[in-house]
Protein backbone atom coordinates (compact mmCIF):
# COMPACT_ATOMS: atom_id res chain seq x y z
CA GLU A 1 21.42 -11.71 -12.57
CA PRO A 2 20.87 -11.94 -8.78
CA THR A 3 21.87 -15.60 -8.67
CA THR A 4 22.88 -18.44 -10.91
CA GLN A 5 20.74 -20.82 -8.92
CA PRO A 6 17.01 -20.97 -9.61
CA PRO A 7 14.99 -18.63 -6.99
CA THR A 8 8.09 -19.95 -11.05
CA THR A 9 5.62 -19.61 -13.30
CA LEU A 10 2.34 -21.43 -12.87
CA ALA A 11 -0.74 -19.94 -14.43
CA THR A 12 -3.25 -18.88 -11.85
CA SER A 13 -6.96 -19.41 -12.27
CA PRO A 14 -9.97 -17.95 -10.47
CA ALA A 15 -10.84 -19.79 -7.28
CA PRO A 16 -13.53 -19.55 -4.62
CA LYS A 17 -13.12 -17.23 -1.67
CA VAL A 18 -10.57 -18.27 0.95
CA PRO A 19 -12.10 -20.88 3.32
CA LYS A 20 -13.09 -19.73 6.79
CA ALA A 21 -10.72 -22.26 8.38
CA ALA A 22 -7.82 -20.42 6.79
CA ASP A 23 -9.08 -17.10 8.16
CA ARG A 24 -8.92 -18.46 11.71
CA ASP A 25 -5.37 -19.82 11.49
CA GLU A 26 -2.81 -17.98 13.61
CA PHE A 27 -0.18 -18.12 10.87
CA LEU A 28 -2.14 -17.73 7.63
CA GLY A 29 -3.50 -14.39 6.48
CA PRO A 30 -4.65 -11.68 6.44
CA PRO A 31 -7.78 -12.58 4.40
CA GLU A 32 -7.48 -9.56 2.07
CA CYS A 33 -4.03 -10.82 1.02
CA LEU A 34 -5.23 -14.40 0.51
CA GLU A 35 -8.06 -13.24 -1.74
CA LYS A 36 -5.49 -11.86 -4.20
CA LYS A 37 -4.34 -15.45 -4.94
CA LEU A 38 -0.68 -14.47 -4.99
CA THR A 39 1.91 -16.96 -6.27
CA ARG A 40 5.67 -17.10 -6.78
CA ALA A 41 5.01 -15.20 -10.03
CA SER A 42 3.78 -12.19 -7.99
CA CYS A 43 6.97 -10.16 -8.16
CA ASP A 44 5.69 -7.34 -5.98
CA LEU A 45 6.48 -9.71 -3.09
CA VAL A 46 9.17 -12.11 -4.36
CA PHE A 47 12.02 -12.18 -6.85
CA CYS A 48 11.47 -13.47 -10.35
CA ARG A 49 13.79 -16.21 -11.50
CA PRO A 50 16.84 -15.12 -13.52
CA TRP A 51 15.17 -16.12 -16.79
CA GLU A 52 12.12 -13.94 -16.06
CA ARG A 53 11.34 -10.24 -15.81
CA CYS A 54 8.96 -8.45 -13.50
CA VAL A 55 6.39 -6.54 -15.57
CA ASP A 56 3.33 -4.94 -13.93
CA GLY A 57 3.77 -7.09 -10.83
CA LYS A 58 3.95 -10.38 -12.75
CA CYS A 59 6.95 -12.55 -13.62
CA LEU A 60 7.09 -13.07 -17.40
CA CYS A 61 9.47 -15.30 -19.37
CA LYS A 62 12.44 -13.64 -21.03
CA THR A 63 13.40 -14.51 -24.56
CA PRO A 64 16.62 -16.60 -24.39
CA TYR A 65 18.75 -13.94 -26.11
CA LEU A 66 18.19 -11.58 -23.15
CA CYS A 67 20.19 -13.83 -20.83
CA PRO A 68 23.77 -12.81 -19.98
CA VAL A 69 26.49 -14.02 -22.33
CA GLU A 70 29.58 -13.32 -20.21
CA ASN A 71 30.93 -15.56 -17.44
CA VAL A 72 28.44 -18.32 -18.19
CA THR A 73 28.83 -22.10 -18.52
CA ALA A 74 27.41 -24.15 -21.40
CA VAL A 75 24.79 -26.82 -20.57
CA CYS A 76 23.03 -29.63 -22.39
CA GLY A 77 19.35 -29.97 -23.18
CA LEU A 78 17.15 -33.05 -23.48
CA ASP A 79 17.28 -32.51 -27.25
CA HIS A 80 21.05 -33.26 -27.08
CA ARG A 81 21.92 -29.69 -28.13
CA ASN A 82 24.41 -27.44 -26.43
CA TYR A 83 23.08 -24.21 -24.90
CA ARG A 84 25.13 -21.19 -23.96
CA SER A 85 23.91 -20.98 -20.37
CA TYR A 86 21.50 -22.36 -17.79
CA CYS A 87 19.52 -19.12 -18.01
CA GLN A 88 19.12 -19.46 -21.78
CA LEU A 89 17.89 -23.03 -21.50
CA MET A 90 15.50 -22.23 -18.68
CA ALA A 91 14.11 -19.24 -20.59
CA LEU A 92 13.24 -21.69 -23.36
CA SER A 93 11.69 -24.06 -20.84
CA CYS A 94 9.72 -21.17 -19.31
CA ARG A 95 8.26 -20.16 -22.67
CA THR A 96 7.45 -23.70 -23.87
CA LYS A 97 6.18 -24.93 -20.44
CA ARG A 98 8.12 -28.19 -20.77
CA PRO A 99 11.37 -29.58 -19.32
CA VAL A 100 14.35 -29.13 -21.61
CA PHE A 101 17.29 -29.16 -19.18
CA SER A 102 19.39 -32.30 -18.64
CA HIS A 103 22.44 -32.27 -16.44
CA PHE A 104 21.40 -35.25 -14.30
CA GLY A 105 18.99 -36.95 -16.68
CA VAL A 106 15.21 -37.27 -16.21
CA LYS A 107 13.02 -38.48 -13.37
CA CYS A 108 11.69 -42.02 -13.10
CA GLN A 109 8.86 -43.18 -10.91
CA ASP A 110 7.99 -46.77 -10.05
CA PRO A 111 4.22 -47.10 -10.82
CA ASP A 112 3.57 -49.73 -8.15
CA THR A 113 5.40 -48.43 -5.07
CA GLY A 114 5.50 -44.70 -5.77
CA MET A 115 9.24 -44.80 -5.17
CA VAL A 116 11.29 -42.09 -6.87
CA GLU A 117 14.28 -42.96 -9.00
CA VAL A 118 16.65 -40.85 -11.07
CA PHE A 119 19.30 -41.65 -13.61
CA VAL A 120 22.64 -40.07 -12.70
CA PRO A 121 25.11 -39.99 -15.60
CA ASP A 122 28.79 -40.75 -15.21
CA VAL A 123 30.66 -37.54 -16.00
CA GLU A 124 33.75 -39.52 -17.02
CA ASN A 125 31.88 -41.83 -19.39
CA LEU A 126 29.24 -40.35 -21.71
CA ASN A 127 27.51 -43.73 -22.02
CA GLY A 128 27.77 -44.58 -18.34
CA GLY A 129 25.60 -43.85 -15.31
CA GLU A 130 23.25 -45.54 -12.88
CA ASN A 131 19.68 -45.49 -11.67
CA LEU A 132 19.49 -44.43 -8.02
CA LEU A 133 16.64 -44.20 -5.55
CA VAL A 134 16.07 -40.87 -3.82
CA CYS A 135 16.91 -40.60 -0.13
CA TRP A 136 14.16 -39.64 2.28
CA LYS A 137 16.18 -37.27 4.49
CA ILE A 138 15.34 -33.91 2.81
CA TRP A 139 12.49 -35.11 0.57
CA ASN A 140 9.43 -32.83 0.82
CA MET A 141 6.31 -31.64 -0.99
CA ALA A 142 8.19 -29.06 -3.04
CA ALA A 143 10.19 -31.88 -4.67
CA ALA A 144 7.14 -34.15 -4.94
CA ASN A 145 5.25 -31.41 -6.82
CA VAL A 146 7.97 -31.41 -9.48
CA ILE A 147 7.19 -35.05 -10.29
CA CYS A 148 3.41 -34.72 -10.37
CA LYS A 149 2.16 -32.45 -13.14
CA ASP A 150 -0.98 -31.47 -11.21
CA GLY A 151 0.75 -31.40 -7.84
CA ALA A 152 1.53 -34.03 -5.22
CA MET A 153 -0.72 -35.25 -2.43
CA THR A 154 1.98 -36.82 -0.24
CA ALA A 155 5.76 -36.82 0.01
CA ASN A 156 6.54 -39.90 2.06
CA TYR A 157 9.05 -42.69 2.44
CA MET A 158 9.22 -46.47 2.23
CA THR A 159 11.53 -48.72 4.22
CA LEU A 160 13.16 -51.45 2.13
CA LYS A 161 14.97 -54.44 3.61
CA GLU A 162 17.53 -56.83 2.20
CA ILE A 163 17.73 -55.31 -1.27
CA ASP A 164 20.62 -54.45 -3.51
CA ALA A 165 19.91 -50.70 -3.30
CA ARG A 166 22.68 -49.58 -0.97
CA SER A 167 23.02 -46.09 -2.48
CA CYS A 168 20.69 -43.13 -2.91
CA VAL A 169 20.86 -39.42 -3.70
CA SER A 170 19.27 -36.50 -1.87
CA ILE A 171 17.40 -33.95 -3.95
CA HIS A 172 16.44 -30.39 -2.99
CA CYS A 173 13.78 -28.62 -5.08
CA GLN A 174 12.03 -25.29 -4.67
CA GLY A 175 8.87 -26.46 -6.42
CA TYR A 176 8.93 -24.50 -9.68
CA GLU A 177 11.21 -26.89 -11.59
CA ASN A 178 9.92 -28.84 -14.61
CA SER A 179 11.84 -32.01 -13.77
CA LEU A 180 14.08 -33.37 -11.01
CA ALA A 181 17.03 -32.72 -13.32
CA GLU A 182 16.65 -29.01 -12.59
CA CYS A 183 16.80 -29.51 -8.81
CA VAL A 184 19.96 -29.65 -6.73
CA ILE A 185 21.10 -33.30 -6.71
CA PHE A 186 23.70 -34.16 -4.08
CA ASP A 187 26.39 -36.83 -4.32
CA LYS A 188 25.16 -40.35 -3.70
CA VAL A 189 25.56 -41.87 -0.25
CA ARG A 190 25.83 -45.51 0.78
CA ASN A 191 24.34 -47.46 3.67
CA ASP A 192 26.44 -50.43 4.71
CA GLN A 193 25.46 -50.34 8.38
CA SER A 194 21.83 -51.49 8.30
CA ASP A 195 19.64 -54.06 6.56
CA SER A 196 16.91 -51.47 5.95
CA TRP A 197 16.81 -47.94 4.60
CA GLU A 198 14.19 -45.26 3.98
CA PHE A 199 13.64 -44.07 0.41
CA ALA A 200 11.45 -41.27 -0.95
CA THR A 201 7.97 -41.93 -2.33
CA VAL A 202 5.31 -39.69 -3.83
CA THR A 203 1.56 -39.91 -4.33
CA CYS A 204 0.21 -37.51 -6.93
CA TYR A 205 -2.68 -35.20 -6.14
CA ASN A 206 -6.24 -35.87 -7.23
CA GLU A 207 -9.24 -33.57 -6.92
CA SER A 208 -10.91 -35.76 -4.30
CA GLN A 209 -8.36 -34.69 -1.65
CA GLU A 210 -9.85 -32.64 1.15
CA GLY A 211 -8.18 -29.60 2.64
CA ALA A 212 -9.33 -26.31 4.10
CA PHE A 213 -6.89 -24.18 2.09
CA MET A 214 -7.38 -23.78 -1.64
CA CYS A 215 -4.22 -22.85 -3.53
CA ALA A 216 -4.24 -20.33 -6.37
CA ASN A 217 -4.03 -23.28 -8.77
CA THR A 218 -7.17 -24.81 -7.07
CA LYS A 219 -5.24 -27.62 -5.38
CA ARG A 220 -6.39 -28.18 -1.78
CA ILE A 221 -4.01 -28.69 1.12
CA PHE A 222 -4.33 -28.79 4.90
CA VAL A 223 -4.04 -25.43 6.64
CA ASN A 224 -1.21 -26.67 8.87
CA HIS A 225 0.84 -27.18 5.68
CA THR A 226 0.73 -23.45 4.89
CA CYS A 227 3.28 -20.84 6.01
CA ASP A 228 5.97 -23.41 6.74
CA GLY A 229 8.52 -22.43 4.09
CA VAL A 230 7.71 -25.47 1.90
CA ASP A 231 5.84 -25.08 -1.39
CA ASP A 232 3.00 -27.57 -0.88
CA CYS A 233 0.73 -25.96 -3.47
CA GLY A 234 3.17 -26.13 -6.36
CA ASP A 235 2.76 -22.41 -7.07
CA ASN A 236 3.93 -21.21 -3.63
CA SER A 237 0.57 -19.60 -2.91
CA ASP A 238 0.57 -21.31 0.51
CA GLU A 239 3.62 -19.23 1.53
CA MET A 240 2.71 -15.79 0.17
CA CYS A 241 0.33 -14.40 2.82
CA CYS A 242 1.56 -15.21 6.31
CA LYS A 243 1.18 -13.47 9.67
CA GLY A 244 3.78 -15.85 11.08
CA CYS A 245 5.74 -18.93 10.01
CA ARG A 246 5.62 -22.52 11.29
CA ASN A 247 8.41 -25.02 11.87
CA ASP A 248 11.15 -22.42 12.39
CA SER A 249 10.78 -21.08 8.86
CA PHE A 250 11.54 -17.38 8.33
CA ARG A 251 9.02 -14.62 7.61
CA CYS A 252 10.09 -11.85 5.24
CA LYS A 253 8.71 -8.37 5.93
CA THR A 254 6.46 -8.81 2.88
CA GLY A 255 4.66 -11.71 4.63
CA VAL A 256 6.31 -14.51 2.62
CA CYS A 257 7.68 -17.54 4.52
CA VAL A 258 10.94 -19.13 3.39
CA HIS A 259 12.42 -22.38 4.66
CA LYS A 260 14.98 -22.18 7.45
CA ASP A 261 17.55 -23.80 5.15
CA ALA A 262 17.25 -20.74 2.86
CA LEU A 263 18.85 -18.48 5.45
CA VAL A 264 22.34 -17.28 4.45
CA ASP A 265 22.50 -19.70 1.50
CA GLY A 266 23.83 -17.14 -0.99
CA GLN A 267 20.46 -16.59 -2.67
CA MET A 268 18.16 -13.70 -1.78
CA ASP A 269 14.57 -14.76 -1.17
CA CYS A 270 13.27 -11.76 0.80
CA LEU A 271 13.07 -8.57 -1.25
CA ASP A 272 15.18 -6.66 1.26
CA GLY A 273 17.76 -9.45 1.58
CA GLU A 274 16.96 -10.09 5.25
CA ASP A 275 17.29 -13.86 4.77
CA GLU A 276 20.93 -13.31 3.78
CA SER A 277 21.77 -10.98 6.67
CA GLN A 278 24.69 -12.11 8.78
CA LYS A 279 22.54 -11.65 11.91
CA HIS A 280 21.29 -15.19 11.28
CA ASN A 281 24.81 -16.44 12.04
CA LEU A 282 24.77 -14.78 15.49
CA ASP A 283 23.23 -15.67 18.81
CA ASN A 284 20.27 -13.48 19.75
CA SER A 285 22.42 -11.82 22.39
CA GLU A 286 24.81 -10.63 19.69
CA VAL A 287 22.23 -9.09 17.37
CA GLU A 288 22.34 -5.31 17.57
CA ARG A 289 18.99 -3.65 18.08
CA ILE A 290 18.26 -0.79 15.72
CA GLY A 291 15.78 2.03 16.24
CA ASP A 292 15.66 2.22 20.07
CA GLY A 293 18.26 4.94 20.47
CA GLY A 294 15.91 7.76 21.43
CA PRO A 295 14.90 10.87 19.42
CA LEU A 296 16.56 11.58 16.07
CA ALA A 297 18.60 14.70 15.45
CA LEU A 298 16.90 17.15 13.13
CA PHE A 299 19.56 17.53 10.45
CA ALA A 300 23.25 16.75 10.22
CA LEU A 301 25.93 18.26 8.03
CA CYS A 302 27.00 15.85 5.29
CA LEU A 303 30.60 14.97 4.68
CA GLN A 304 31.79 16.42 1.40
CA THR A 305 31.25 13.23 -0.64
CA GLN A 306 28.77 11.42 1.61
CA ILE A 307 25.53 11.45 -0.44
CA GLN A 308 26.99 10.24 -3.72
CA TRP A 309 23.72 10.07 -5.69
CA GLN A 310 22.61 13.58 -4.70
CA ILE A 311 22.55 16.11 -7.55
CA ALA A 312 21.79 19.82 -7.62
CA LEU A 313 19.57 21.14 -10.40
CA ASP A 314 21.00 24.43 -11.66
CA GLU A 315 18.57 26.61 -13.61
CA ASN A 316 20.24 29.68 -15.06
CA LYS A 317 22.87 29.61 -12.26
CA LYS A 318 20.28 29.27 -9.50
CA ILE A 319 19.72 26.11 -7.39
CA ASP A 320 16.21 25.59 -6.02
CA CYS A 321 15.86 21.80 -6.39
CA GLY A 322 17.77 18.59 -5.91
CA GLY A 323 17.55 15.19 -7.55
CA ALA A 324 19.04 11.70 -7.63
CA TYR A 325 21.41 9.95 -10.02
CA ILE A 326 20.05 6.49 -10.95
CA GLY A 327 22.84 5.37 -13.26
CA GLY A 328 23.72 5.52 -16.92
CA CYS A 329 22.70 8.92 -18.32
CA TRP A 330 19.74 9.52 -16.03
CA VAL A 331 18.75 11.59 -13.02
CA VAL A 332 15.32 11.89 -11.37
CA THR A 333 13.69 14.92 -9.74
CA ALA A 334 10.20 16.38 -9.16
CA ALA A 335 8.23 17.64 -12.16
CA HIS A 336 7.49 21.02 -10.57
CA CYS A 337 11.26 21.68 -10.57
CA VAL A 338 11.53 21.78 -14.37
CA ARG A 339 10.06 23.01 -17.61
CA PRO A 340 10.51 21.50 -21.08
CA ASN A 341 13.63 23.52 -21.91
CA PRO A 342 16.74 21.35 -21.40
CA SER A 343 19.16 24.14 -22.32
CA ALA A 344 18.13 26.12 -19.21
CA PHE A 345 19.40 23.42 -16.83
CA MET A 346 22.67 21.92 -15.69
CA VAL A 347 23.17 18.96 -13.36
CA LYS A 348 25.80 19.34 -10.66
CA PHE A 349 27.22 16.13 -9.21
CA SER A 350 29.16 15.95 -5.93
CA LEU A 351 28.22 19.43 -4.81
CA TRP A 352 28.63 20.17 -1.09
CA LYS A 353 28.34 23.91 -0.60
CA LYS A 354 25.43 25.44 -2.47
CA GLY A 355 26.67 27.63 -5.30
CA GLU A 356 30.34 26.69 -4.90
CA SER A 357 31.98 23.81 -6.74
CA GLN A 358 34.61 21.61 -5.11
CA GLY A 359 37.34 19.42 -6.53
CA THR A 360 35.04 16.43 -7.11
CA THR A 361 32.14 18.43 -8.61
CA ASP A 362 31.09 17.57 -12.18
CA ILE A 363 28.74 19.87 -14.12
CA VAL A 364 26.84 18.28 -17.00
CA PRO A 365 24.24 19.73 -19.43
CA ILE A 366 20.82 18.15 -20.05
CA GLN A 367 19.82 16.53 -23.34
CA GLU A 368 16.16 15.55 -22.79
CA ILE A 369 13.41 16.06 -20.22
CA HIS A 370 10.59 13.52 -19.67
CA ILE A 371 7.66 14.40 -17.41
CA HIS A 372 5.29 11.65 -16.33
CA PRO A 373 1.80 12.24 -17.81
CA SER A 374 0.02 11.66 -14.49
CA PRO A 375 -3.48 13.10 -14.05
CA VAL A 376 -2.95 13.86 -10.36
CA ASP A 377 -1.49 17.03 -8.85
CA ARG A 378 1.60 18.11 -10.79
CA ASN A 379 3.77 18.08 -7.68
CA ALA A 380 3.43 14.30 -7.58
CA HIS A 381 4.68 13.75 -11.12
CA GLU A 382 8.06 12.26 -11.66
CA TYR A 383 10.62 13.67 -13.98
CA LEU A 384 13.60 12.13 -15.78
CA LYS A 385 16.50 14.10 -17.16
CA GLU A 386 18.87 12.57 -19.70
CA ILE A 387 22.48 13.62 -19.72
CA PRO A 388 24.02 13.85 -23.22
CA ASN A 389 24.55 10.29 -24.38
CA LYS A 390 28.29 10.34 -24.84
CA LYS A 391 30.46 7.24 -24.49
CA ARG A 392 30.49 8.00 -20.76
CA CYS A 393 27.76 10.36 -19.52
CA VAL A 394 29.49 11.03 -16.21
CA GLU A 395 33.26 11.00 -15.95
CA GLU A 396 34.61 8.29 -13.69
CA ASN A 397 34.48 9.82 -10.23
CA PRO A 398 34.71 8.01 -6.87
CA ALA A 399 32.48 10.72 -5.37
CA ILE A 400 29.55 9.81 -7.67
CA ARG A 401 27.49 6.65 -7.28
CA ALA A 402 24.03 5.70 -8.52
CA VAL A 403 21.14 4.77 -6.23
CA CYS A 404 18.97 1.76 -7.14
CA VAL A 405 15.40 2.10 -8.42
CA PRO A 406 12.85 -0.08 -6.56
CA TRP A 407 10.46 -2.15 -8.68
CA THR A 408 7.85 -2.97 -6.03
CA THR A 409 5.91 -0.91 -3.50
CA HIS A 410 6.40 -3.69 -0.92
CA LEU A 411 10.17 -3.45 -0.55
CA PHE A 412 10.05 -1.25 2.57
CA GLN A 413 7.34 -1.23 5.21
CA PRO A 414 5.94 1.56 7.44
CA ASN A 415 8.25 2.66 10.29
CA HIS A 416 11.36 1.79 8.26
CA THR A 417 14.04 4.43 8.86
CA CYS A 418 15.29 6.17 5.70
CA SER A 419 17.23 9.35 4.95
CA ILE A 420 16.55 12.63 3.13
CA SER A 421 19.08 15.19 1.92
CA GLY A 422 19.16 18.62 0.32
CA TRP A 423 20.03 22.31 0.46
CA GLY A 424 16.59 23.40 1.66
CA ARG A 425 15.64 26.22 4.01
CA THR A 426 17.66 25.79 7.26
CA ALA A 427 18.54 29.07 8.98
CA GLY A 428 21.09 30.22 6.43
CA ILE A 429 23.16 27.02 6.25
CA ARG A 430 24.34 26.57 2.64
CA PHE A 431 25.86 23.11 2.93
CA LEU A 432 24.25 19.79 1.97
CA LEU A 433 22.34 18.39 4.97
CA TRP A 434 20.75 15.03 5.72
CA ALA A 435 18.31 13.61 8.27
CA ASN A 436 16.66 10.33 9.17
CA VAL A 437 12.90 10.00 8.67
CA SER A 438 10.43 7.16 9.27
CA LEU A 439 8.00 5.88 6.64
CA ILE A 440 4.42 6.64 7.70
CA ALA A 441 1.39 4.53 6.80
CA ASP A 442 -2.12 5.64 5.80
CA CYS A 443 -1.16 9.20 4.92
CA GLN A 444 -4.57 9.98 3.48
CA ARG A 445 -5.83 10.53 7.04
CA PHE A 446 -3.70 13.69 7.18
CA TYR A 447 -4.26 15.13 3.70
CA LYS A 448 -7.68 13.70 2.73
CA ASP A 449 -8.43 14.07 -1.00
CA SER A 450 -5.16 15.85 -1.72
CA PHE A 451 -3.31 12.58 -1.21
CA LYS A 452 -3.25 10.56 -4.46
CA PRO A 453 -1.92 7.18 -5.67
CA GLY A 454 1.82 7.36 -6.20
CA MET A 455 2.35 9.48 -3.09
CA MET A 456 3.76 8.46 0.31
CA CYS A 457 4.63 10.14 3.62
CA ALA A 458 7.75 10.22 5.78
CA GLY A 459 9.03 12.21 8.73
CA ASP A 460 7.46 12.22 12.18
CA LEU A 461 4.10 13.41 13.44
CA ASN A 462 5.47 15.96 15.91
CA GLY A 463 7.16 17.89 13.09
CA SER A 464 10.71 17.64 14.45
CA VAL A 465 12.17 16.47 11.13
CA ASP A 466 10.95 17.30 7.63
CA SER A 467 12.03 18.40 4.18
CA CYS A 468 11.44 22.04 3.25
CA GLN A 469 11.51 24.55 0.40
CA GLY A 470 14.66 24.04 -1.64
CA ASP A 471 14.73 20.30 -0.97
CA SER A 472 12.17 19.58 -3.74
CA GLY A 473 13.16 16.82 -6.14
CA GLY A 474 15.74 15.49 -3.70
CA PRO A 475 16.08 11.85 -2.69
CA LEU A 476 14.48 9.87 0.12
CA VAL A 477 16.69 6.77 0.28
CA CYS A 478 16.12 3.52 2.18
CA GLN A 479 18.62 0.71 2.74
CA ASP A 480 17.71 -2.95 2.70
CA GLU A 481 19.11 -5.54 5.11
CA LEU A 482 22.23 -6.01 2.98
CA GLY A 483 23.01 -2.30 2.77
CA VAL A 484 21.72 -1.74 -0.79
CA SER A 485 20.34 1.81 -1.16
CA TYR A 486 17.06 2.42 -3.00
CA LEU A 487 15.48 5.67 -4.18
CA TRP A 488 12.21 5.16 -2.29
CA GLY A 489 10.87 8.70 -2.62
CA ILE A 490 11.29 12.14 -4.21
CA VAL A 491 10.68 15.28 -2.11
CA SER A 492 7.36 16.63 -3.34
CA TRP A 493 5.14 18.75 -1.06
CA GLY A 494 3.58 19.17 2.38
CA LYS A 495 1.90 21.65 4.71
CA ASN A 496 4.55 24.21 5.60
CA CYS A 497 7.78 22.70 7.00
CA GLY A 498 7.75 20.56 10.13
CA GLU A 499 4.04 21.16 10.76
CA PRO A 500 2.89 18.81 13.57
CA GLY A 501 0.40 16.25 12.30
CA PHE A 502 1.35 16.84 8.64
CA PRO A 503 4.39 14.78 7.59
CA GLY A 504 6.20 15.45 4.32
CA VAL A 505 4.71 14.04 1.11
CA TYR A 506 6.98 12.26 -1.39
CA THR A 507 6.58 10.74 -4.82
CA GLN A 508 6.75 6.94 -4.42
CA VAL A 509 9.36 5.99 -7.01
CA SER A 510 8.38 2.29 -7.23
CA HIS A 511 4.90 3.38 -8.37
CA TYR A 512 6.55 4.71 -11.55
CA PHE A 513 9.02 1.88 -12.12
CA ASP A 514 7.61 0.72 -15.46
CA TRP A 515 7.56 4.28 -16.81
CA ILE A 516 11.16 4.80 -15.72
CA ARG A 517 12.47 1.58 -17.24
CA ILE A 518 10.69 2.27 -20.56
CA HIS A 519 12.82 5.40 -20.90
CA THR A 520 16.07 4.20 -19.33
CA GLY A 521 16.12 0.52 -20.32
CA TRP A 522 16.30 -2.42 -17.91
CA PRO A 523 20.03 -2.49 -17.00
CA ALA A 524 20.04 1.14 -15.87
CA VAL A 525 17.37 0.73 -13.22
CA THR A 526 17.86 -2.60 -11.45
CA LYS A 527 20.42 -5.36 -11.14
CA PHE A 528 17.65 -7.82 -10.21
CA ASN A 529 15.46 -7.38 -13.28
CA ASN A 530 17.64 -7.10 -16.36
């Protein structure tokens, strides 16, 4: 699992077109994104919670038995039963749509004042505990929405004087929780210095509230409460489509705003991990700029074990294609590199010089071949090869490492710098080469009707860097902000090699994620979605 702490599932319902006031806001938008009514369950843009899986762009509840069973801590439910893990209990809560978790008790709300109160048990005494008011300091709409079933209208405070309540607890929620018990509850604090103190209050939402922005769940909020890193809607739809972020919150490259307190907190919120990058701990003057270093070199000679996921596809002792190792017993290449005859092929791992094995080279036969049944041009199909399913498909080898499979087409944006590698046509050089390429948007303008869904472009428009014959099936790999490498593309086709105005065309691997995981199983393809 990516985290042990909760990163929601609220059913979305059809809603009227985005109000014009929202279209004019400098932070909110663009309109075509808002019209999709995206929520925190839209896993093309955000992570699912650990007790959910991303299927067809939607977060769906796992069954409890799919949660990890190792290195977990038992928890208690409201039904007084013991559960193996927090994930298991929350998977049950997700499927039943009701709170079942109890590590700090249940919420309590005073019906007259709107003040929020929780019962905090005494860990030393099973029958002990105390009712405490909630401090105002970090109280916000995300926490208020947890209390109100249909969403909150206000998250406010009340000043109380000369009362016995000298202690309170601060609570931090993300907005998807079913009760305050599932939020982070801090140790209680005391106020012995003043006769008055500010405590949290909440007013629940009613349909008469006016607001220019309509959430995906039909709740209305004010536009200036959108794109601020706080879940005012209750389904996070106010943070999903943002051109910029208010109140010093942080904008992910996917257009999602996260609260400034989420930066470097040990939990990834942005798909590429940018919110956890150590650059947030540095002054602006210390942040290294990337991408302004002038023209890229065409190709560079790889070190002997540099591209550890690169494989060579040997057909009857001849290498014309590459591929990528994605873990377990699986490698991926282009469909036009193969035919349905596994015995004709061998996979060569850790090969440096074409046609000549080195000390770290492993040569493995193929057991099965799966070609994607796509109706578009065959060059764009994806192909999976299964290595014989022995106890260990690939012998333990420090020169071999799998590359991750991306599950969403939004993980990397145009102009992101990635790398390609292969043994393709390069003036007689027979060693593995690599080069940096940039992702290019709107590739259909170059190739017209030949460009189909599931394809993407990379390279540069002046033709100075490109893949070529012999590179087919090889990997185009992009790194996220934390240095995790993803198989973003497979070398597919193009117009000649390095033709100005015609960048290389690649299979977009994330487009085929569901097909890949059906064959390989969840754990083999992603650490974030198993």
